C-alpha atoms as a PDB file:
ATOM      1  CA  UNK A   1     -26.174  31.868  19.339  1.00  0.00           C
ATOM      2  CA  UNK A   2     -23.299  31.624  16.853  1.00  0.00           C
ATOM      3  CA  UNK A   3     -19.790  32.371  18.049  1.00  0.00           C
ATOM      4  CA  UNK A   4     -18.529  35.920  17.503  1.00  0.00           C
ATOM      5  CA  UNK A   5     -16.305  36.348  14.470  1.00  0.00           C
ATOM      6  CA  UNK A   6     -12.657  35.844  15.469  1.00  0.00           C
ATOM      7  CA  UNK A   7     -10.071  38.577  15.179  1.00  0.00           C
ATOM      8  CA  UNK A   8      -7.365  38.188  12.504  1.00  0.00           C
ATOM      9  CA  UNK A   9      -5.093  35.307  13.442  1.00  0.00           C
ATOM     10  CA  UNK A  10      -2.254  36.200  15.789  1.00  0.00           C
ATOM     11  CA  UNK A  11       0.546  33.621  15.346  1.00  0.00           C
ATOM     12  CA  UNK A  12       1.552  31.821  18.504  1.00  0.00           C
ATOM     13  CA  UNK A  13       5.233  31.356  19.297  1.00  0.00           C
ATOM     14  CA  UNK A  14       6.608  27.885  18.674  1.00  0.00           C
ATOM     15  CA  UNK A  15       7.702  26.068  21.821  1.00  0.00           C
ATOM     16  CA  UNK A  16      10.724  23.785  21.951  1.00  0.00           C
ATOM     17  CA  UNK A  17       9.718  20.178  22.469  1.00  0.00           C
ATOM     18  CA  UNK A  18      12.032  19.682  25.445  1.00  0.00           C
ATOM     19  CA  UNK A  19      10.419  22.680  27.156  1.00  0.00           C
ATOM     20  CA  UNK A  20       6.973  21.218  26.534  1.00  0.00           C
ATOM     21  CA  UNK A  21       7.907  17.868  28.076  1.00  0.00           C
ATOM     22  CA  UNK A  22       9.264  19.601  31.191  1.00  0.00           C
ATOM     23  CA  UNK A  23       6.424  22.113  31.424  1.00  0.00           C
ATOM     24  CA  UNK A  24       3.608  19.598  31.194  1.00  0.00           C
ATOM     25  CA  UNK A  25       5.447  16.537  32.535  1.00  0.00           C
ATOM     26  CA  UNK A  26       4.604  14.584  29.389  1.00  0.00           C
ATOM     27  CA  UNK A  27       5.841  10.991  29.232  1.00  0.00           C
ATOM     28  CA  UNK A  28       8.160   9.896  26.427  1.00  0.00           C
ATOM     29  CA  UNK A  29       6.382   8.294  23.513  1.00  0.00           C
ATOM     30  CA  UNK A  30       7.030   4.536  23.378  1.00  0.00           C
ATOM     31  CA  UNK A  31       8.022   2.635  20.253  1.00  0.00           C
ATOM     32  CA  UNK A  32       8.482   3.758  16.682  1.00  0.00           C
ATOM     33  CA  UNK A  33      11.615   5.866  17.140  1.00  0.00           C
ATOM     34  CA  UNK A  34      14.046   2.957  16.984  1.00  0.00           C
ATOM     35  CA  UNK A  35      12.205   1.539  13.999  1.00  0.00           C
ATOM     36  CA  UNK A  36      12.461   4.770  12.035  1.00  0.00           C
ATOM     37  CA  UNK A  37      16.101   5.239  13.079  1.00  0.00           C
ATOM     38  CA  UNK A  38      16.931   1.753  11.824  1.00  0.00           C
ATOM     39  CA  UNK A  39      15.167   2.380   8.535  1.00  0.00           C
ATOM     40  CA  UNK A  40      16.806   5.788   8.077  1.00  0.00           C
ATOM     41  CA  UNK A  41      20.302   4.478   8.807  1.00  0.00           C
ATOM     42  CA  UNK A  42      19.808   1.536   6.491  1.00  0.00           C
ATOM     43  CA  UNK A  43      18.143   3.525   3.743  1.00  0.00           C
ATOM     44  CA  UNK A  44      20.911   2.990   1.194  1.00  0.00           C
ATOM     45  CA  UNK A  45      22.170  -0.440   2.225  1.00  0.00           C
ATOM     46  CA  UNK A  46      19.429  -2.348   4.068  1.00  0.00           C
ATOM     47  CA  UNK A  47      18.065  -5.427   2.368  1.00  0.00           C
ATOM     48  CA  UNK A  48      14.366  -6.099   2.104  1.00  0.00           C
ATOM     49  CA  UNK A  49      14.681  -8.748   4.801  1.00  0.00           C
ATOM     50  CA  UNK A  50      16.405  -6.302   7.180  1.00  0.00           C
ATOM     51  CA  UNK A  51      13.699  -3.687   6.591  1.00  0.00           C
ATOM     52  CA  UNK A  52      10.989  -6.277   7.185  1.00  0.00           C
ATOM     53  CA  UNK A  53      12.669  -7.402  10.411  1.00  0.00           C
ATOM     54  CA  UNK A  54      12.696  -3.821  11.726  1.00  0.00           C
ATOM     55  CA  UNK A  55       9.005  -3.300  10.934  1.00  0.00           C
ATOM     56  CA  UNK A  56       8.007  -6.688  12.317  1.00  0.00           C
ATOM     57  CA  UNK A  57       8.983  -5.605  15.846  1.00  0.00           C
ATOM     58  CA  UNK A  58       5.664  -3.786  16.199  1.00  0.00           C
ATOM     59  CA  UNK A  59       2.435  -5.697  15.542  1.00  0.00           C
ATOM     60  CA  UNK A  60       0.374  -2.528  15.137  1.00  0.00           C
ATOM     61  CA  UNK A  61       2.708  -1.111  12.491  1.00  0.00           C
ATOM     62  CA  UNK A  62       2.873  -4.479  10.758  1.00  0.00           C
ATOM     63  CA  UNK A  63      -0.918  -4.584  10.591  1.00  0.00           C
ATOM     64  CA  UNK A  64      -1.107  -1.037   9.226  1.00  0.00           C
ATOM     65  CA  UNK A  65       1.438  -1.879   6.524  1.00  0.00           C
ATOM     66  CA  UNK A  66      -0.576  -4.913   5.490  1.00  0.00           C
ATOM     67  CA  UNK A  67      -3.890  -3.028   5.453  1.00  0.00           C
ATOM     68  CA  UNK A  68      -2.402  -0.110   3.537  1.00  0.00           C
ATOM     69  CA  UNK A  69      -0.658  -2.275   0.966  1.00  0.00           C
ATOM     70  CA  UNK A  70      -3.616  -4.641   0.540  1.00  0.00           C
ATOM     71  CA  UNK A  71      -6.879  -2.834   1.437  1.00  0.00           C
ATOM     72  CA  UNK A  72      -9.105  -5.675   0.208  1.00  0.00           C
ATOM     73  CA  UNK A  73      -9.268  -8.747   2.502  1.00  0.00           C
ATOM     74  CA  UNK A  74      -8.995 -11.126  -0.450  1.00  0.00           C
ATOM     75  CA  UNK A  75      -5.709  -9.514  -1.495  1.00  0.00           C
ATOM     76  CA  UNK A  76      -4.217 -10.113   1.961  1.00  0.00           C
ATOM     77  CA  UNK A  77      -4.721 -13.858   1.758  1.00  0.00           C
ATOM     78  CA  UNK A  78      -1.267 -15.356   1.386  1.00  0.00           C
ATOM     79  CA  UNK A  79       0.394 -11.923   1.416  1.00  0.00           C
ATOM     80  CA  UNK A  80       3.511 -11.397   3.531  1.00  0.00           C
ATOM     81  CA  UNK A  81       5.041  -8.357   5.214  1.00  0.00           C
ATOM     82  CA  UNK A  82       7.893  -8.485   2.688  1.00  0.00           C
ATOM     83  CA  UNK A  83       5.360  -8.217  -0.115  1.00  0.00           C
ATOM     84  CA  UNK A  84       3.687  -5.278   1.641  1.00  0.00           C
ATOM     85  CA  UNK A  85       6.934  -3.332   2.175  1.00  0.00           C
ATOM     86  CA  UNK A  86       7.951  -3.919  -1.439  1.00  0.00           C
ATOM     87  CA  UNK A  87       4.615  -2.583  -2.590  1.00  0.00           C
ATOM     88  CA  UNK A  88       4.619   0.437  -0.276  1.00  0.00           C
ATOM     89  CA  UNK A  89       8.236   1.537  -0.512  1.00  0.00           C
ATOM     90  CA  UNK A  90      10.492   2.731   2.300  1.00  0.00           C
ATOM     91  CA  UNK A  91       9.183   6.311   2.483  1.00  0.00           C
ATOM     92  CA  UNK A  92       5.579   5.146   2.825  1.00  0.00           C
ATOM     93  CA  UNK A  93       6.517   2.631   5.509  1.00  0.00           C
ATOM     94  CA  UNK A  94       8.263   5.363   7.510  1.00  0.00           C
ATOM     95  CA  UNK A  95       5.268   7.674   7.122  1.00  0.00           C
ATOM     96  CA  UNK A  96       3.024   4.976   8.618  1.00  0.00           C
ATOM     97  CA  UNK A  97       5.312   4.681  11.645  1.00  0.00           C
ATOM     98  CA  UNK A  98       5.366   8.483  12.012  1.00  0.00           C
ATOM     99  CA  UNK A  99       1.553   8.429  11.909  1.00  0.00           C
ATOM    100  CA  UNK A 100       1.571   6.018  14.860  1.00  0.00           C
ATOM    101  CA  UNK A 101       3.905   8.355  16.780  1.00  0.00           C
ATOM    102  CA  UNK A 102       1.550  11.258  16.077  1.00  0.00           C
ATOM    103  CA  UNK A 103      -1.444   9.304  17.331  1.00  0.00           C
ATOM    104  CA  UNK A 104       0.387   8.467  20.552  1.00  0.00           C
ATOM    105  CA  UNK A 105       1.326  12.142  20.968  1.00  0.00           C
ATOM    106  CA  UNK A 106      -2.333  13.149  20.614  1.00  0.00           C
ATOM    107  CA  UNK A 107      -3.595  10.543  23.078  1.00  0.00           C
ATOM    108  CA  UNK A 108      -0.909  11.434  25.650  1.00  0.00           C
ATOM    109  CA  UNK A 109      -1.437  15.189  25.255  1.00  0.00           C
ATOM    110  CA  UNK A 110      -5.200  15.070  25.771  1.00  0.00           C
ATOM    111  CA  UNK A 111      -4.896  12.646  28.662  1.00  0.00           C
ATOM    112  CA  UNK A 112      -2.276  14.784  30.411  1.00  0.00           C
ATOM    113  CA  UNK A 113      -3.576  18.259  29.575  1.00  0.00           C
ATOM    114  CA  UNK A 114      -7.348  17.786  29.568  1.00  0.00           C
ATOM    115  CA  UNK A 115      -7.820  14.449  31.377  1.00  0.00           C
ATOM    116  CA  UNK A 116      -9.601  13.055  28.314  1.00  0.00           C
ATOM    117  CA  UNK A 117      -9.227   9.451  27.202  1.00  0.00           C
ATOM    118  CA  UNK A 118      -9.767   9.811  23.470  1.00  0.00           C
ATOM    119  CA  UNK A 119     -10.801   6.725  21.508  1.00  0.00           C
ATOM    120  CA  UNK A 120     -10.158   6.051  17.834  1.00  0.00           C
ATOM    121  CA  UNK A 121     -13.342   6.430  15.806  1.00  0.00           C
ATOM    122  CA  UNK A 122     -14.551   5.434  12.356  1.00  0.00           C
ATOM    123  CA  UNK A 123     -14.954   8.542  10.214  1.00  0.00           C
ATOM    124  CA  UNK A 124     -18.203   7.155   8.777  1.00  0.00           C
ATOM    125  CA  UNK A 125     -19.829   7.600  12.182  1.00  0.00           C
ATOM    126  CA  UNK A 126     -18.986  11.274  12.484  1.00  0.00           C
ATOM    127  CA  UNK A 127     -21.157  14.143  11.307  1.00  0.00           C
ATOM    128  CA  UNK A 128     -19.948  17.420   9.846  1.00  0.00           C
ATOM    129  CA  UNK A 129     -20.811  20.260  12.254  1.00  0.00           C
ATOM    130  CA  UNK A 130     -23.049  22.934  10.780  1.00  0.00           C
ATOM    131  CA  UNK A 131     -20.837  25.713  12.139  1.00  0.00           C
ATOM    132  CA  UNK A 132     -17.609  24.219  10.772  1.00  0.00           C
ATOM    133  CA  UNK A 133     -14.272  23.688  12.504  1.00  0.00           C
ATOM    134  CA  UNK A 134     -11.372  25.459  14.106  1.00  0.00           C
ATOM    135  CA  UNK A 135      -8.272  24.196  12.325  1.00  0.00           C
ATOM    136  CA  UNK A 136      -4.986  24.143  14.189  1.00  0.00           C
ATOM    137  CA  UNK A 137      -1.975  23.297  12.049  1.00  0.00           C
ATOM    138  CA  UNK A 138       1.815  23.357  12.117  1.00  0.00           C
ATOM    139  CA  UNK A 139       4.243  22.732   9.266  1.00  0.00           C
ATOM    140  CA  UNK A 140       7.652  21.153   9.772  1.00  0.00           C
ATOM    141  CA  UNK A 141      10.682  21.264   7.475  1.00  0.00           C
ATOM    142  CA  UNK A 142      14.064  19.568   7.482  1.00  0.00           C
ATOM    143  CA  UNK A 143      15.111  15.994   6.813  1.00  0.00           C
ATOM    144  CA  UNK A 144      11.377  15.320   6.942  1.00  0.00           C
ATOM    145  CA  UNK A 145       8.825  17.813   5.649  1.00  0.00           C
ATOM    146  CA  UNK A 146       5.136  17.794   6.344  1.00  0.00           C
ATOM    147  CA  UNK A 147       2.094  19.258   8.023  1.00  0.00           C
ATOM    148  CA  UNK A 148       0.013  18.293  11.065  1.00  0.00           C
ATOM    149  CA  UNK A 149      -3.582  19.505  11.106  1.00  0.00           C
ATOM    150  CA  UNK A 150      -6.088  19.095  13.953  1.00  0.00           C
ATOM    151  CA  UNK A 151      -9.764  19.847  13.232  1.00  0.00           C
ATOM    152  CA  UNK A 152     -11.803  20.890  16.287  1.00  0.00           C
ATOM    153  CA  UNK A 153     -15.582  21.293  16.009  1.00  0.00           C
ATOM    154  CA  UNK A 154     -16.442  24.599  17.695  1.00  0.00           C
ATOM    155  CA  UNK A 155     -18.233  22.887  20.581  1.00  0.00           C
ATOM    156  CA  UNK A 156     -15.090  20.879  21.353  1.00  0.00           C
ATOM    157  CA  UNK A 157     -12.848  23.946  21.187  1.00  0.00           C
ATOM    158  CA  UNK A 158     -15.113  25.719  23.711  1.00  0.00           C
ATOM    159  CA  UNK A 159     -15.124  22.637  25.942  1.00  0.00           C
ATOM    160  CA  UNK A 160     -11.315  22.496  25.922  1.00  0.00           C
ATOM    161  CA  UNK A 161     -11.001  26.223  26.612  1.00  0.00           C
ATOM    162  CA  UNK A 162     -13.375  25.985  29.570  1.00  0.00           C
ATOM    163  CA  UNK A 163     -11.498  22.995  30.967  1.00  0.00           C
ATOM    164  CA  UNK A 164      -8.055  24.578  30.698  1.00  0.00           C
ATOM    165  CA  UNK A 165      -9.201  28.021  31.866  1.00  0.00           C
ATOM    166  CA  UNK A 166     -11.269  26.690  34.757  1.00  0.00           C
ATOM    167  CA  UNK A 167     -14.638  27.996  33.569  1.00  0.00           C
ATOM    168  CA  UNK A 168     -17.884  26.788  32.007  1.00  0.00           C
ATOM    169  CA  UNK A 169     -18.402  25.751  28.415  1.00  0.00           C
ATOM    170  CA  UNK A 170     -21.453  28.013  28.033  1.00  0.00           C
ATOM    171  CA  UNK A 171     -19.484  31.123  28.990  1.00  0.00           C
ATOM    172  CA  UNK A 172     -18.862  33.655  26.223  1.00  0.00           C
ATOM    173  CA  UNK A 173     -15.210  32.906  25.672  1.00  0.00           C
ATOM    174  CA  UNK A 174     -13.346  35.461  23.517  1.00  0.00           C
ATOM    175  CA  UNK A 175     -12.404  34.102  20.122  1.00  0.00           C
ATOM    176  CA  UNK A 176      -8.754  34.942  20.821  1.00  0.00           C
ATOM    177  CA  UNK A 177      -8.763  32.788  23.961  1.00  0.00           C
ATOM    178  CA  UNK A 178     -10.253  29.819  22.104  1.00  0.00           C
ATOM    179  CA  UNK A 179      -7.715  30.217  19.291  1.00  0.00           C
ATOM    180  CA  UNK A 180      -4.858  30.318  21.794  1.00  0.00           C
ATOM    181  CA  UNK A 181      -6.132  27.129  23.443  1.00  0.00           C
ATOM    182  CA  UNK A 182      -6.232  25.276  20.133  1.00  0.00           C
ATOM    183  CA  UNK A 183      -2.818  26.653  19.157  1.00  0.00           C
ATOM    184  CA  UNK A 184      -1.289  25.545  22.451  1.00  0.00           C
ATOM    185  CA  UNK A 185      -2.578  21.995  22.022  1.00  0.00           C
ATOM    186  CA  UNK A 186      -1.204  21.883  18.469  1.00  0.00           C
ATOM    187  CA  UNK A 187       2.123  23.171  19.801  1.00  0.00           C
ATOM    188  CA  UNK A 188       2.340  20.381  22.357  1.00  0.00           C
ATOM    189  CA  UNK A 189       1.366  17.619  19.937  1.00  0.00           C
ATOM    190  CA  UNK A 190       3.746  18.724  17.197  1.00  0.00           C
ATOM    191  CA  UNK A 191       6.539  19.431  19.687  1.00  0.00           C
ATOM    192  CA  UNK A 192       6.375  15.828  20.855  1.00  0.00           C
ATOM    193  CA  UNK A 193       6.381  14.585  17.269  1.00  0.00           C
ATOM    194  CA  UNK A 194       9.330  16.819  16.375  1.00  0.00           C
ATOM    195  CA  UNK A 195      11.342  15.408  19.260  1.00  0.00           C
ATOM    196  CA  UNK A 196      10.700  11.820  18.157  1.00  0.00           C
ATOM    197  CA  UNK A 197      11.564  12.568  14.533  1.00  0.00           C
ATOM    198  CA  UNK A 198      14.872  14.107  15.618  1.00  0.00           C
ATOM    199  CA  UNK A 199      15.658  11.104  17.808  1.00  0.00           C
ATOM    200  CA  UNK A 200      14.934   8.867  14.814  1.00  0.00           C
ATOM    201  CA  UNK A 201      17.382  10.631  12.519  1.00  0.00           C
ATOM    202  CA  UNK A 202      14.874  12.927  10.783  1.00  0.00           C
ATOM    203  CA  UNK A 203      15.594  16.308  12.404  1.00  0.00           C
ATOM    204  CA  UNK A 204      13.118  19.017  11.526  1.00  0.00           C
ATOM    205  CA  UNK A 205      12.010  22.460  12.619  1.00  0.00           C
ATOM    206  CA  UNK A 206       8.396  23.169  13.517  1.00  0.00           C
ATOM    207  CA  UNK A 207       6.881  26.420  12.341  1.00  0.00           C
ATOM    208  CA  UNK A 208       4.472  28.550  14.352  1.00  0.00           C
ATOM    209  CA  UNK A 209       1.024  27.006  14.747  1.00  0.00           C
ATOM    210  CA  UNK A 210      -1.805  28.564  12.788  1.00  0.00           C
ATOM    211  CA  UNK A 211      -5.460  28.585  13.811  1.00  0.00           C
ATOM    212  CA  UNK A 212      -8.308  29.459  11.454  1.00  0.00           C
ATOM    213  CA  UNK A 213     -11.936  28.645  10.773  1.00  0.00           C
ATOM    214  CA  UNK A 214     -13.020  26.271   8.014  1.00  0.00           C
ATOM    215  CA  UNK A 215     -16.345  24.968   6.765  1.00  0.00           C
ATOM    216  CA  UNK A 216     -14.968  21.527   5.894  1.00  0.00           C
ATOM    217  CA  UNK A 217     -12.097  19.348   7.087  1.00  0.00           C
ATOM    218  CA  UNK A 218      -9.608  19.568   4.200  1.00  0.00           C
ATOM    219  CA  UNK A 219      -7.144  16.881   3.169  1.00  0.00           C
ATOM    220  CA  UNK A 220      -3.691  18.443   3.176  1.00  0.00           C
ATOM    221  CA  UNK A 221      -1.123  16.985   0.786  1.00  0.00           C
ATOM    222  CA  UNK A 222       2.557  17.549   0.133  1.00  0.00           C
ATOM    223  CA  UNK A 223       4.515  17.053  -3.068  1.00  0.00           C
ATOM    224  CA  UNK A 224       6.224  13.662  -3.069  1.00  0.00           C
ATOM    225  CA  UNK A 225       4.667  12.680   0.261  1.00  0.00           C
ATOM    226  CA  UNK A 226       1.682  10.806   1.603  1.00  0.00           C
ATOM    227  CA  UNK A 227      -1.344  11.753   3.689  1.00  0.00           C
ATOM    228  CA  UNK A 228      -3.152   9.924   6.504  1.00  0.00           C
ATOM    229  CA  UNK A 229      -6.291  10.857   8.409  1.00  0.00           C
ATOM    230  CA  UNK A 230      -7.546   9.813  11.843  1.00  0.00           C
ATOM    231  CA  UNK A 231     -10.572  10.525  14.032  1.00  0.00           C
ATOM    232  CA  UNK A 232     -11.065  10.400  17.799  1.00  0.00           C
ATOM    233  CA  UNK A 233     -14.088  10.715  20.052  1.00  0.00           C
ATOM    234  CA  UNK A 234     -14.859  11.383  23.681  1.00  0.00           C
ATOM    235  CA  UNK A 235     -18.582  11.322  24.337  1.00  0.00           C
ATOM    236  CA  UNK A 236     -20.230  13.938  22.130  1.00  0.00           C
ATOM    237  CA  UNK A 237     -16.912  15.529  21.204  1.00  0.00           C
ATOM    238  CA  UNK A 238     -14.589  14.425  18.449  1.00  0.00           C
ATOM    239  CA  UNK A 239     -11.329  15.447  16.804  1.00  0.00           C
ATOM    240  CA  UNK A 240     -10.101  15.022  13.225  1.00  0.00           C
ATOM    241  CA  UNK A 241      -6.380  14.723  12.448  1.00  0.00           C
ATOM    242  CA  UNK A 242      -4.561  14.920   9.121  1.00  0.00           C
ATOM    243  CA  UNK A 243      -0.849  14.151   8.699  1.00  0.00           C
ATOM    244  CA  UNK A 244       1.043  14.644   5.467  1.00  0.00           C
ATOM    245  CA  UNK A 245       4.762  13.891   5.348  1.00  0.00           C
ATOM    246  CA  UNK A 246       7.673  13.354   3.006  1.00  0.00           C
ATOM    247  CA  UNK A 247      10.346  11.536   5.083  1.00  0.00           C
ATOM    248  CA  UNK A 248      13.400  12.259   2.927  1.00  0.00           C
ATOM    249  CA  UNK A 249      12.844  15.770   1.655  1.00  0.00           C
ATOM    250  CA  UNK A 250      16.507  16.686   2.200  1.00  0.00           C
END
């Protein structure tokens, strides 16, 4: 049977990132912070070589820069990281590093909170659920401005609620309880990201998470920023993630 219609959204209070780390004993996110901090500090004076050196410390970020700058394999032949950073620009490079921090926050949160080892998935292999999604999102403003959106198929949101509440997935969970579960997970993920952005010299304030139903998984954009999308799977369940960010909004 279809889920009952949810009550009007009741905003959840934002939780400070330091409180989240203590409350759930979340580990610090490795890597990325120092890279962003170096890029932010050297924004006005760093040479292309210095920027490239900072990025080159992380193979995963280096690979993402190359793939983003030169999507076609033939274009990457003979291309260098310096060429990629010149093509992308500093703001785009920072947004790619922030995207990696967000992905680590998601993997750590689901492993710690729900004991789920999520795996990155190709979006082409995922189907659109007939009953749509629950969208959990949080907007942040400050030195960096953006939006984090997590798309939960309804079956996954019920699974997570049952796991965290200690019940069964086939129980008739109230819509408000499911919404609160999704909102709490968004709070934890974005709280971790906020902490890392502040450590990297991009302090920002996270707004209250919002949870609502949607038929499709929308691509959220921000003026002057960039948008990245990721997908994860655990068995029959999957999660869609959209990050849009403008690193130097202030």
